[in-house]
Amino acid sequence: MAAAARSYVVQDAGPRAGPGETQIEYPYTLRGIETALMDAVFRSISGPAQIVKVVSGDRSRVIRRYEHGQEVPVTP
């Protein structure tokens, strides 16, 4: 059985948004996580709160949340 491809995703935080949700996908590499984290910080400064999550197939796990350019605790 092959392992599911993984990626990092940055998206607007909040309740599950519909099709208009802003979401950007990054490769599952060191450069990918670095870029995803910086993008989330900058997007949160001038817009809504952002989350960074790891996506593997149909499963995902939130690893960071940013509001106003600052990291805040991730709530379940």
PDB file of N, CA and C in Angstrom:
ATOM      1  N   MET A   1       0.840  -1.175   0.000  1.00  0.00           N
ATOM      2  CA  MET A   1       0.000   0.000   0.000  1.00  0.00           C
ATOM      3  C   MET A   1       0.886   1.239   0.000  1.00  0.00           C
ATOM      4  N   ALA A   2       0.606   2.188  -0.869  1.00  0.00           N
ATOM      5  CA  ALA A   2       1.395   3.417  -0.968  1.00  0.00           C
ATOM      6  C   ALA A   2       0.948   4.416   0.078  1.00  0.00           C
ATOM      7  N   ALA A   3       1.894   5.203   0.551  1.00  0.00           N
ATOM      8  CA  ALA A   3       1.585   6.242   1.531  1.00  0.00           C
ATOM      9  C   ALA A   3       0.882   7.406   0.842  1.00  0.00           C
ATOM     10  N   ALA A   4      -0.059   8.019   1.548  1.00  0.00           N
ATOM     11  CA  ALA A   4      -0.783   9.164   0.999  1.00  0.00           C
ATOM     12  C   ALA A   4       0.153  10.362   0.913  1.00  0.00           C
ATOM     13  N   ALA A   5       0.008  11.142  -0.132  1.00  0.00           N
ATOM     14  CA  ALA A   5       0.821  12.341  -0.293  1.00  0.00           C
ATOM     15  C   ALA A   5       0.438  13.356   0.775  1.00  0.00           C
ATOM     16  N   ARG A   6       1.423  14.053   1.316  1.00  0.00           N
ATOM     17  CA  ARG A   6       1.181  15.063   2.337  1.00  0.00           C
ATOM     18  C   ARG A   6       1.478  16.442   1.774  1.00  0.00           C
ATOM     19  N   SER A   7       0.868  17.440   2.390  1.00  0.00           N
ATOM     20  CA  SER A   7       1.144  18.822   2.031  1.00  0.00           C
ATOM     21  C   SER A   7       0.781  19.714   3.212  1.00  0.00           C
ATOM     22  N   TYR A   8       1.238  20.952   3.153  1.00  0.00           N
ATOM     23  CA  TYR A   8       0.867  21.965   4.132  1.00  0.00           C
ATOM     24  C   TYR A   8      -0.152  22.866   3.470  1.00  0.00           C
ATOM     25  N   VAL A   9      -1.165  23.282   4.223  1.00  0.00           N
ATOM     26  CA  VAL A   9      -2.202  24.157   3.690  1.00  0.00           C
ATOM     27  C   VAL A   9      -2.375  25.342   4.625  1.00  0.00           C
ATOM     28  N   VAL A  10      -2.452  26.538   4.043  1.00  0.00           N
ATOM     29  CA  VAL A  10      -2.755  27.757   4.775  1.00  0.00           C
ATOM     30  C   VAL A  10      -4.141  28.189   4.348  1.00  0.00           C
ATOM     31  N   GLN A  11      -5.022  28.443   5.340  1.00  0.00           N
ATOM     32  CA  GLN A  11      -6.371  28.875   5.002  1.00  0.00           C
ATOM     33  C   GLN A  11      -6.924  29.779   6.083  1.00  0.00           C
ATOM     34  N   ASP A  12      -8.008  30.480   5.735  1.00  0.00           N
ATOM     35  CA  ASP A  12      -8.687  31.329   6.700  1.00  0.00           C
ATOM     36  C   ASP A  12      -9.200  30.471   7.838  1.00  0.00           C
ATOM     37  N   ALA A  13      -9.059  30.954   9.065  1.00  0.00           N
ATOM     38  CA  ALA A  13      -9.553  30.235  10.236  1.00  0.00           C
ATOM     39  C   ALA A  13     -11.045  30.513  10.402  1.00  0.00           C
ATOM     40  N   GLY A  14     -11.652  29.763  11.277  1.00  0.00           N
ATOM     41  CA  GLY A  14     -13.060  29.977  11.560  1.00  0.00           C
ATOM     42  C   GLY A  14     -13.880  28.751  11.227  1.00  0.00           C
ATOM     43  N   PRO A  15     -15.198  28.910  11.248  1.00  0.00           N
ATOM     44  CA  PRO A  15     -16.053  27.759  10.922  1.00  0.00           C
ATOM     45  C   PRO A  15     -15.757  27.256   9.515  1.00  0.00           C
ATOM     46  N   ARG A  16     -16.090  26.038   9.277  1.00  0.00           N
ATOM     47  CA  ARG A  16     -15.823  25.461   7.951  1.00  0.00           C
ATOM     48  C   ARG A  16     -16.449  26.331   6.874  1.00  0.00           C
ATOM     49  N   ALA A  17     -15.587  26.911   6.061  1.00  0.00           N
ATOM     50  CA  ALA A  17     -16.048  27.817   5.012  1.00  0.00           C
ATOM     51  C   ALA A  17     -16.460  27.028   3.778  1.00  0.00           C
ATOM     52  N   GLY A  18     -17.176  27.674   2.934  1.00  0.00           N
ATOM     53  CA  GLY A  18     -17.666  27.027   1.724  1.00  0.00           C
ATOM     54  C   GLY A  18     -16.662  27.097   0.593  1.00  0.00           C
ATOM     55  N   PRO A  19     -17.161  27.002  -0.636  1.00  0.00           N
ATOM     56  CA  PRO A  19     -16.274  26.965  -1.803  1.00  0.00           C
ATOM     57  C   PRO A  19     -15.444  28.231  -2.009  1.00  0.00           C
ATOM     58  N   GLY A  20     -15.854  29.355  -1.430  1.00  0.00           N
ATOM     59  CA  GLY A  20     -15.120  30.599  -1.606  1.00  0.00           C
ATOM     60  C   GLY A  20     -13.950  30.758  -0.649  1.00  0.00           C
ATOM     61  N   GLU A  21     -13.681  29.741   0.145  1.00  0.00           N
ATOM     62  CA  GLU A  21     -12.627  29.810   1.150  1.00  0.00           C
ATOM     63  C   GLU A  21     -11.254  29.982   0.503  1.00  0.00           C
ATOM     64  N   THR A  22     -10.459  30.889   1.073  1.00  0.00           N
ATOM     65  CA  THR A  22      -9.101  31.108   0.585  1.00  0.00           C
ATOM     66  C   THR A  22      -8.194  30.033   1.152  1.00  0.00           C
ATOM     67  N   GLN A  23      -7.513  29.314   0.263  1.00  0.00           N
ATOM     68  CA  GLN A  23      -6.660  28.201   0.693  1.00  0.00           C
ATOM     69  C   GLN A  23      -5.470  28.087  -0.249  1.00  0.00           C
ATOM     70  N   ILE A  24      -4.266  27.951   0.322  1.00  0.00           N
ATOM     71  CA  ILE A  24      -3.052  27.801  -0.481  1.00  0.00           C
ATOM     72  C   ILE A  24      -2.334  26.542  -0.020  1.00  0.00           C
ATOM     73  N   GLU A  25      -1.891  25.731  -0.970  1.00  0.00           N
ATOM     74  CA  GLU A  25      -1.226  24.459  -0.664  1.00  0.00           C
ATOM     75  C   GLU A  25       0.279  24.574  -0.932  1.00  0.00           C
ATOM     76  N   TYR A  26       1.080  23.966  -0.041  1.00  0.00           N
ATOM     77  CA  TYR A  26       2.532  23.975  -0.154  1.00  0.00           C
ATOM     78  C   TYR A  26       3.049  22.543  -0.075  1.00  0.00           C
ATOM     79  N   PRO A  27       4.191  22.253  -0.695  1.00  0.00           N
ATOM     80  CA  PRO A  27       4.732  20.894  -0.633  1.00  0.00           C
ATOM     81  C   PRO A  27       5.178  20.519   0.781  1.00  0.00           C
ATOM     82  N   TYR A  28       5.199  19.234   1.062  1.00  0.00           N
ATOM     83  CA  TYR A  28       5.593  18.721   2.377  1.00  0.00           C
ATOM     84  C   TYR A  28       7.116  18.616   2.441  1.00  0.00           C
ATOM     85  N   THR A  29       7.755  19.791   2.488  1.00  0.00           N
ATOM     86  CA  THR A  29       9.215  19.893   2.563  1.00  0.00           C
ATOM     87  C   THR A  29       9.566  20.959   3.599  1.00  0.00           C
ATOM     88  N   LEU A  30      10.834  21.050   3.928  1.00  0.00           N
ATOM     89  CA  LEU A  30      11.274  22.083   4.858  1.00  0.00           C
ATOM     90  C   LEU A  30      10.986  23.468   4.282  1.00  0.00           C
ATOM     91  N   ARG A  31      11.263  23.666   3.017  1.00  0.00           N
ATOM     92  CA  ARG A  31      10.984  24.947   2.357  1.00  0.00           C
ATOM     93  C   ARG A  31       9.476  25.209   2.340  1.00  0.00           C
ATOM     94  N   GLY A  32       8.683  24.154   2.156  1.00  0.00           N
ATOM     95  CA  GLY A  32       7.227  24.294   2.129  1.00  0.00           C
ATOM     96  C   GLY A  32       6.663  24.776   3.451  1.00  0.00           C
ATOM     97  N   ILE A  33       7.110  24.198   4.569  1.00  0.00           N
ATOM     98  CA  ILE A  33       6.603  24.627   5.881  1.00  0.00           C
ATOM     99  C   ILE A  33       7.072  26.036   6.211  1.00  0.00           C
ATOM    100  N   GLU A  34       8.311  26.350   5.851  1.00  0.00           N
ATOM    101  CA  GLU A  34       8.832  27.692   6.096  1.00  0.00           C
ATOM    102  C   GLU A  34       8.005  28.736   5.340  1.00  0.00           C
ATOM    103  N   THR A  35       7.716  28.478   4.092  1.00  0.00           N
ATOM    104  CA  THR A  35       6.938  29.405   3.281  1.00  0.00           C
ATOM    105  C   THR A  35       5.500  29.493   3.774  1.00  0.00           C
ATOM    106  N   ALA A  36       4.916  28.354   4.148  1.00  0.00           N
ATOM    107  CA  ALA A  36       3.539  28.335   4.639  1.00  0.00           C
ATOM    108  C   ALA A  36       3.405  29.148   5.923  1.00  0.00           C
ATOM    109  N   LEU A  37       4.343  28.987   6.855  1.00  0.00           N
ATOM    110  CA  LEU A  37       4.277  29.724   8.116  1.00  0.00           C
ATOM    111  C   LEU A  37       4.410  31.227   7.890  1.00  0.00           C
ATOM    112  N   MET A  38       5.357  31.631   7.051  1.00  0.00           N
ATOM    113  CA  MET A  38       5.534  33.063   6.772  1.00  0.00           C
ATOM    114  C   MET A  38       4.323  33.640   6.051  1.00  0.00           C
ATOM    115  N   ASP A  39       3.759  32.885   5.125  1.00  0.00           N
ATOM    116  CA  ASP A  39       2.572  33.342   4.410  1.00  0.00           C
ATOM    117  C   ASP A  39       1.410  33.526   5.380  1.00  0.00           C
ATOM    118  N   ALA A  40       1.227  32.593   6.296  1.00  0.00           N
ATOM    119  CA  ALA A  40       0.141  32.688   7.273  1.00  0.00           C
ATOM    120  C   ALA A  40       0.314  33.927   8.161  1.00  0.00           C
ATOM    121  N   VAL A  41       1.535  34.205   8.575  1.00  0.00           N
ATOM    122  CA  VAL A  41       1.796  35.390   9.399  1.00  0.00           C
ATOM    123  C   VAL A  41       1.412  36.647   8.637  1.00  0.00           C
ATOM    124  N   PHE A  42       1.902  36.803   7.411  1.00  0.00           N
ATOM    125  CA  PHE A  42       1.639  38.014   6.634  1.00  0.00           C
ATOM    126  C   PHE A  42       0.168  38.153   6.261  1.00  0.00           C
ATOM    127  N   ARG A  43      -0.483  37.046   5.924  1.00  0.00           N
ATOM    128  CA  ARG A  43      -1.916  37.116   5.592  1.00  0.00           C
ATOM    129  C   ARG A  43      -2.750  37.488   6.811  1.00  0.00           C
ATOM    130  N   SER A  44      -2.335  37.058   8.006  1.00  0.00           N
ATOM    131  CA  SER A  44      -3.104  37.366   9.213  1.00  0.00           C
ATOM    132  C   SER A  44      -2.950  38.819   9.639  1.00  0.00           C
ATOM    133  N   ILE A  45      -1.888  39.472   9.225  1.00  0.00           N
ATOM    134  CA  ILE A  45      -1.688  40.884   9.575  1.00  0.00           C
ATOM    135  C   ILE A  45      -2.748  41.748   8.903  1.00  0.00           C
ATOM    136  N   SER A  46      -3.003  41.492   7.644  1.00  0.00           N
ATOM    137  CA  SER A  46      -3.909  42.348   6.885  1.00  0.00           C
ATOM    138  C   SER A  46      -5.265  41.715   6.596  1.00  0.00           C
ATOM    139  N   GLY A  47      -5.552  40.577   7.213  1.00  0.00           N
ATOM    140  CA  GLY A  47      -6.823  39.915   6.928  1.00  0.00           C
ATOM    141  C   GLY A  47      -7.289  39.075   8.096  1.00  0.00           C
ATOM    142  N   PRO A  48      -8.114  38.079   7.797  1.00  0.00           N
ATOM    143  CA  PRO A  48      -8.634  37.222   8.871  1.00  0.00           C
ATOM    144  C   PRO A  48      -7.559  36.312   9.454  1.00  0.00           C
ATOM    145  N   ALA A  49      -7.863  35.733  10.599  1.00  0.00           N
ATOM    146  CA  ALA A  49      -6.954  34.769  11.229  1.00  0.00           C
ATOM    147  C   ALA A  49      -6.673  33.641  10.249  1.00  0.00           C
ATOM    148  N   GLN A  50      -5.465  33.063  10.347  1.00  0.00           N
ATOM    149  CA  GLN A  50      -5.038  32.012   9.431  1.00  0.00           C
ATOM    150  C   GLN A  50      -4.636  30.775  10.217  1.00  0.00           C
ATOM    151  N   ILE A  51      -4.868  29.606   9.619  1.00  0.00           N
ATOM    152  CA  ILE A  51      -4.380  28.366  10.201  1.00  0.00           C
ATOM    153  C   ILE A  51      -3.458  27.689   9.202  1.00  0.00           C
ATOM    154  N   VAL A  52      -2.497  26.944   9.740  1.00  0.00           N
ATOM    155  CA  VAL A  52      -1.604  26.115   8.930  1.00  0.00           C
ATOM    156  C   VAL A  52      -1.903  24.686   9.347  1.00  0.00           C
ATOM    157  N   LYS A  53      -2.161  23.826   8.376  1.00  0.00           N
ATOM    158  CA  LYS A  53      -2.451  22.436   8.705  1.00  0.00           C
ATOM    159  C   LYS A  53      -1.692  21.497   7.792  1.00  0.00           C
ATOM    160  N   VAL A  54      -1.496  20.277   8.288  1.00  0.00           N
ATOM    161  CA  VAL A  54      -0.887  19.209   7.509  1.00  0.00           C
ATOM    162  C   VAL A  54      -2.032  18.381   6.953  1.00  0.00           C
ATOM    163  N   VAL A  55      -2.015  18.171   5.645  1.00  0.00           N
ATOM    164  CA  VAL A  55      -3.058  17.390   4.986  1.00  0.00           C
ATOM    165  C   VAL A  55      -2.434  16.124   4.428  1.00  0.00           C
ATOM    166  N   SER A  56      -3.046  14.997   4.742  1.00  0.00           N
ATOM    167  CA  SER A  56      -2.590  13.698   4.248  1.00  0.00           C
ATOM    168  C   SER A  56      -3.809  12.932   3.774  1.00  0.00           C
ATOM    169  N   GLY A  57      -3.992  12.888   2.469  1.00  0.00           N
ATOM    170  CA  GLY A  57      -5.191  12.242   1.925  1.00  0.00           C
ATOM    171  C   GLY A  57      -6.423  13.019   2.320  1.00  0.00           C
ATOM    172  N   ASP A  58      -7.365  12.358   2.997  1.00  0.00           N
ATOM    173  CA  ASP A  58      -8.591  13.038   3.426  1.00  0.00           C
ATOM    174  C   ASP A  58      -8.532  13.459   4.894  1.00  0.00           C
ATOM    175  N   ARG A  59      -7.369  13.325   5.529  1.00  0.00           N
ATOM    176  CA  ARG A  59      -7.185  13.714   6.928  1.00  0.00           C
ATOM    177  C   ARG A  59      -6.355  14.990   7.011  1.00  0.00           C
ATOM    178  N   SER A  60      -6.623  15.795   8.047  1.00  0.00           N
ATOM    179  CA  SER A  60      -5.825  17.007   8.250  1.00  0.00           C
ATOM    180  C   SER A  60      -5.687  17.281   9.747  1.00  0.00           C
ATOM    181  N   ARG A  61      -4.632  18.022  10.085  1.00  0.00           N
ATOM    182  CA  ARG A  61      -4.361  18.367  11.478  1.00  0.00           C
ATOM    183  C   ARG A  61      -3.808  19.785  11.510  1.00  0.00           C
ATOM    184  N   VAL A  62      -4.449  20.662  12.289  1.00  0.00           N
ATOM    185  CA  VAL A  62      -4.000  22.051  12.420  1.00  0.00           C
ATOM    186  C   VAL A  62      -2.761  22.076  13.307  1.00  0.00           C
ATOM    187  N   ILE A  63      -1.703  22.739  12.824  1.00  0.00           N
ATOM    188  CA  ILE A  63      -0.460  22.803  13.590  1.00  0.00           C
ATOM    189  C   ILE A  63      -0.143  24.207  14.090  1.00  0.00           C
ATOM    190  N   ARG A  64      -0.675  25.249  13.458  1.00  0.00           N
ATOM    191  CA  ARG A  64      -0.434  26.634  13.894  1.00  0.00           C
ATOM    192  C   ARG A  64      -1.652  27.490  13.562  1.00  0.00           C
ATOM    193  N   ARG A  65      -1.819  28.572  14.362  1.00  0.00           N
ATOM    194  CA  ARG A  65      -2.862  29.565  14.111  1.00  0.00           C
ATOM    195  C   ARG A  65      -2.260  30.945  14.344  1.00  0.00           C
ATOM    196  N   TYR A  66      -2.576  31.880  13.455  1.00  0.00           N
ATOM    197  CA  TYR A  66      -2.053  33.237  13.554  1.00  0.00           C
ATOM    198  C   TYR A  66      -3.187  34.253  13.485  1.00  0.00           C
ATOM    199  N   GLU A  67      -3.116  35.258  14.368  1.00  0.00           N
ATOM    200  CA  GLU A  67      -4.054  36.379  14.370  1.00  0.00           C
ATOM    201  C   GLU A  67      -3.246  37.660  14.509  1.00  0.00           C
ATOM    202  N   HIS A  68      -3.500  38.632  13.649  1.00  0.00           N
ATOM    203  CA  HIS A  68      -2.801  39.923  13.674  1.00  0.00           C
ATOM    204  C   HIS A  68      -1.284  39.755  13.662  1.00  0.00           C
ATOM    205  N   GLY A  69      -0.800  38.763  12.935  1.00  0.00           N
ATOM    206  CA  GLY A  69       0.641  38.548  12.797  1.00  0.00           C
ATOM    207  C   GLY A  69       1.292  37.824  13.946  1.00  0.00           C
ATOM    208  N   GLN A  70       0.517  37.376  14.924  1.00  0.00           N
ATOM    209  CA  GLN A  70       1.059  36.683  16.093  1.00  0.00           C
ATOM    210  C   GLN A  70       0.503  35.278  16.195  1.00  0.00           C
ATOM    211  N   GLU A  71       1.354  34.333  16.623  1.00  0.00           N
ATOM    212  CA  GLU A  71       0.884  32.969  16.842  1.00  0.00           C
ATOM    213  C   GLU A  71       0.022  32.919  18.092  1.00  0.00           C
ATOM    214  N   VAL A  72      -1.106  32.240  18.006  1.00  0.00           N
ATOM    215  CA  VAL A  72      -2.011  32.061  19.149  1.00  0.00           C
ATOM    216  C   VAL A  72      -2.233  30.565  19.349  1.00  0.00           C
ATOM    217  N   PRO A  73      -2.674  30.152  20.532  1.00  0.00           N
ATOM    218  CA  PRO A  73      -2.899  28.723  20.765  1.00  0.00           C
ATOM    219  C   PRO A  73      -3.955  28.154  19.808  1.00  0.00           C
ATOM    220  N   VAL A  74      -3.733  26.928  19.403  1.00  0.00           N
ATOM    221  CA  VAL A  74      -4.676  26.225  18.530  1.00  0.00           C
ATOM    222  C   VAL A  74      -5.757  25.624  19.421  1.00  0.00           C
ATOM    223  N   THR A  75      -7.003  25.961  19.132  1.00  0.00           N
ATOM    224  CA  THR A  75      -8.118  25.397  19.900  1.00  0.00           C
ATOM    225  C   THR A  75      -8.708  24.216  19.140  1.00  0.00           C
ATOM    226  N   PRO A  76      -9.105  23.182  19.858  1.00  0.00           N
ATOM    227  CA  PRO A  76      -9.653  21.999  19.171  1.00  0.00           C
ATOM    228  C   PRO A  76     -10.975  22.275  18.488  1.00  0.00           C
TER     229      PRO A  76
END
